[in-house]
Amino acid sequence: MRFTKIIVLVIIAFIMLSACYDDKPNEKVIAPFSFVNQNGEEFGTKELYGSIWIANFMFTNCTSVCPMTSMEMAQIQKVLSKKGIEVVLVSFTVDPEVDSPERLKQYVNYFTDDDSNWHFLTGYTQEEIERFANEQFETIVQKTENSDQIIHGSSFYLIDQEGKIINKFHYSNNSYLEEMLEQIENLY
């Protein structure tokens, strides 16, 4: 019974966090980082410099929003590809102890046949990703006791060629993709 109460509280907290998003830019420059992608390669700000990129947070064992946000990222990838717009997609796992590069490689294959511009990152500790998400993206990542589910934000972050966060978007906003595309086109 106690476990059920915890799960219900986690779901309520997540819904409240999702509902409280704002899409105002914070104009923060992402601090340098280097992690490991699904191919076991180092990947970070050095590789991203000069590129427009979209970031989000997820984990492969997620039973709530991650499949939806990953499907949305796949849709973003398709739309950008169709329009001939080059943007890099970056998904940070919030469960680095479970999400190895191999596991992330399997996960990405559920959503796309082309991961050449979509990097699923791991290679840090739980404490590091919690601090990174909070300090760099001003979002929560929190591992809870007695559950394999992790509380995390579900926004998409648009970052410019110099690593500055331009805006954040949430898939619950029906016009987020059009707004994102307009802002991406303004960056070129």
Protein backbone atom coordinates (compact mmCIF):
# COMPACT_ATOMS: atom_id res chain seq x y z
CA MET A 1 0.00 0.00 0.00
CA ARG A 2 2.84 2.37 0.87
CA PHE A 3 4.50 1.71 -2.50
CA THR A 4 1.25 2.62 -4.28
CA LYS A 5 1.05 5.90 -2.35
CA ILE A 6 4.62 6.74 -3.36
CA ILE A 7 3.89 6.03 -7.02
CA VAL A 8 0.74 8.17 -6.87
CA LEU A 9 2.70 11.03 -5.27
CA VAL A 10 5.42 10.75 -7.91
CA ILE A 11 2.82 10.87 -10.70
CA ILE A 12 1.08 13.87 -9.13
CA ALA A 13 4.41 15.67 -8.71
CA PHE A 14 5.30 14.95 -12.33
CA ILE A 15 1.96 16.23 -13.61
CA MET A 16 2.32 19.38 -11.55
CA LEU A 17 5.86 19.95 -12.83
CA SER A 18 4.76 19.39 -16.42
CA ALA A 19 1.87 21.79 -16.06
CA CYS A 20 4.07 24.48 -14.58
CA TYR A 21 6.49 24.78 -17.47
CA ASP A 22 7.10 28.13 -19.06
CA ASP A 23 8.46 28.66 -22.51
CA LYS A 24 10.45 31.81 -21.78
CA PRO A 25 14.07 31.76 -22.85
CA ASN A 26 16.62 31.97 -20.06
CA GLU A 27 19.50 32.86 -22.42
CA LYS A 28 21.87 30.69 -20.43
CA VAL A 29 24.98 29.30 -22.10
CA ILE A 30 25.47 25.60 -21.43
CA ALA A 31 28.74 24.91 -19.61
CA PRO A 32 31.20 22.62 -21.40
CA PHE A 33 30.49 18.91 -21.04
CA SER A 34 31.67 15.66 -22.58
CA PHE A 35 29.74 12.44 -22.07
CA VAL A 36 29.32 9.17 -24.00
CA ASN A 37 26.71 8.54 -26.69
CA GLN A 38 24.88 5.38 -27.72
CA ASN A 39 27.79 4.42 -29.96
CA GLY A 40 30.29 4.57 -27.09
CA GLU A 41 31.82 7.77 -28.48
CA GLU A 42 32.67 10.90 -26.51
CA PHE A 43 30.17 13.59 -27.34
CA GLY A 44 29.59 17.03 -25.88
CA THR A 45 29.79 20.78 -26.33
CA LYS A 46 32.95 20.50 -28.44
CA GLU A 47 31.05 18.45 -31.04
CA LEU A 48 27.94 20.63 -30.73
CA TYR A 49 29.66 24.00 -31.14
CA GLY A 50 28.47 25.66 -34.34
CA SER A 51 25.31 23.51 -34.50
CA ILE A 52 21.76 24.23 -33.48
CA TRP A 53 20.59 21.49 -31.13
CA ILE A 54 17.53 20.34 -29.25
CA ALA A 55 17.92 18.63 -25.87
CA ASN A 56 15.67 16.66 -23.57
CA PHE A 57 15.88 14.30 -20.58
CA MET A 58 14.70 10.68 -20.59
CA PHE A 59 15.50 7.15 -19.45
CA THR A 60 14.90 3.77 -21.05
CA ASN A 61 13.04 2.21 -18.13
CA CYS A 62 10.52 5.08 -17.96
CA THR A 63 6.88 4.05 -17.71
CA SER A 64 5.37 7.54 -18.09
CA VAL A 65 6.42 10.36 -20.43
CA CYS A 66 9.71 9.19 -21.94
CA PRO A 67 8.19 7.07 -24.72
CA MET A 68 6.00 10.06 -25.66
CA THR A 69 8.85 12.58 -25.60
CA SER A 70 11.08 10.21 -27.55
CA MET A 71 8.32 9.81 -30.17
CA GLU A 72 8.07 13.61 -30.29
CA MET A 73 11.85 13.89 -30.78
CA ALA A 74 11.58 11.35 -33.61
CA GLN A 75 8.82 13.47 -35.16
CA ILE A 76 10.98 16.59 -34.81
CA GLN A 77 13.80 14.70 -36.52
CA LYS A 78 11.52 13.70 -39.43
CA VAL A 79 10.12 17.21 -39.91
CA LEU A 80 13.58 18.80 -39.84
CA SER A 81 14.94 16.22 -42.27
CA LYS A 82 12.02 16.74 -44.66
CA LYS A 83 12.67 20.51 -44.59
CA GLY A 84 16.42 20.02 -45.04
CA ILE A 85 17.20 21.76 -41.74
CA GLU A 86 20.27 20.47 -39.92
CA VAL A 87 19.74 20.24 -36.17
CA VAL A 88 21.36 17.87 -33.68
CA LEU A 89 19.13 16.07 -31.17
CA VAL A 90 20.53 15.28 -27.72
CA SER A 91 18.76 13.11 -25.14
CA PHE A 92 20.36 12.94 -21.69
CA THR A 93 19.52 9.82 -19.71
CA VAL A 94 18.54 10.52 -16.11
CA ASP A 95 19.31 6.90 -15.18
CA PRO A 96 23.01 6.51 -16.03
CA GLU A 97 23.47 3.46 -13.79
CA VAL A 98 21.04 1.48 -15.98
CA ASP A 99 21.36 3.22 -19.35
CA SER A 100 24.62 2.00 -20.85
CA PRO A 101 25.55 2.99 -24.41
CA GLU A 102 24.37 -0.44 -25.57
CA ARG A 103 20.99 -0.06 -23.89
CA LEU A 104 20.61 3.45 -25.32
CA LYS A 105 21.48 2.12 -28.79
CA GLN A 106 18.65 -0.42 -28.51
CA TYR A 107 16.28 2.29 -27.26
CA VAL A 108 17.00 4.75 -30.09
CA ASN A 109 16.27 2.01 -32.63
CA TYR A 110 12.64 1.91 -31.41
CA PHE A 111 12.19 5.49 -32.61
CA THR A 112 14.38 6.03 -35.67
CA ASP A 113 16.38 4.23 -38.31
CA ASP A 114 18.84 7.14 -38.48
CA ASP A 115 20.64 8.11 -35.28
CA SER A 116 23.37 10.08 -37.10
CA ASN A 117 22.06 13.36 -35.68
CA TRP A 118 20.46 12.02 -32.47
CA HIS A 119 22.78 11.39 -29.54
CA PHE A 120 21.60 9.63 -26.39
CA LEU A 121 24.08 10.52 -23.66
CA THR A 122 25.29 8.72 -20.55
CA GLY A 123 28.66 8.34 -18.83
CA TYR A 124 28.09 10.34 -15.65
CA THR A 125 26.87 9.60 -12.14
CA GLN A 126 23.33 10.07 -10.86
CA GLU A 127 24.51 13.01 -8.78
CA GLU A 128 26.20 14.60 -11.79
CA ILE A 129 23.09 14.44 -14.02
CA GLU A 130 20.89 15.79 -11.23
CA ARG A 131 23.25 18.75 -10.76
CA PHE A 132 23.77 19.21 -14.52
CA ALA A 133 20.03 19.33 -15.24
CA ASN A 134 19.41 21.77 -12.41
CA GLU A 135 22.34 24.09 -13.08
CA GLN A 136 22.36 24.04 -16.88
CA PHE A 137 18.70 23.58 -17.84
CA GLU A 138 17.00 24.74 -14.63
CA THR A 139 14.99 21.53 -14.47
CA ILE A 140 14.59 18.74 -11.95
CA VAL A 141 16.06 15.27 -12.05
CA GLN A 142 15.50 13.28 -8.87
CA LYS A 143 15.90 9.59 -8.21
CA THR A 144 13.41 8.40 -5.62
CA GLU A 145 13.83 5.64 -3.08
CA ASN A 146 11.79 2.45 -3.44
CA SER A 147 11.14 3.03 -7.15
CA ASP A 148 12.98 2.53 -10.41
CA GLN A 149 11.24 5.62 -11.82
CA ILE A 150 13.02 8.99 -11.84
CA ILE A 151 11.35 12.37 -11.63
CA HIS A 152 12.50 14.67 -14.43
CA GLY A 153 11.32 17.52 -16.60
CA SER A 154 9.80 16.75 -19.98
CA SER A 155 10.57 19.92 -21.95
CA PHE A 156 12.56 20.29 -25.15
CA TYR A 157 15.33 22.90 -25.12
CA LEU A 158 16.41 24.77 -28.24
CA ILE A 159 20.09 25.71 -28.10
CA ASP A 160 21.87 27.92 -30.62
CA GLN A 161 25.22 27.49 -32.36
CA GLU A 162 27.12 29.03 -29.41
CA GLY A 163 25.45 26.87 -26.77
CA LYS A 164 22.90 29.41 -25.56
CA ILE A 165 19.44 28.18 -24.58
CA ILE A 166 17.06 30.05 -26.86
CA ASN A 167 13.79 28.62 -25.57
CA LYS A 168 12.12 25.62 -24.04
CA PHE A 169 9.03 23.91 -25.35
CA HIS A 170 6.60 21.34 -24.06
CA TYR A 171 4.84 18.77 -26.21
CA SER A 172 1.53 19.50 -24.46
CA ASN A 173 1.47 22.85 -26.29
CA ASN A 174 -0.22 22.04 -29.61
CA SER A 175 1.79 24.68 -31.47
CA TYR A 176 5.20 23.94 -29.96
CA LEU A 177 6.63 22.39 -33.15
CA GLU A 178 5.62 25.31 -35.37
CA GLU A 179 7.04 27.78 -32.84
CA MET A 180 10.25 25.76 -32.55
CA LEU A 181 10.67 25.57 -36.34
CA GLU A 182 10.18 29.31 -36.67
CA GLN A 183 12.83 29.97 -34.03
CA ILE A 184 15.23 27.47 -35.64
CA GLU A 185 14.81 29.17 -39.03
CA ASN A 186 15.57 32.52 -37.38
CA LEU A 187 18.89 31.13 -36.15
CA TYR A 188 20.14 30.48 -39.71
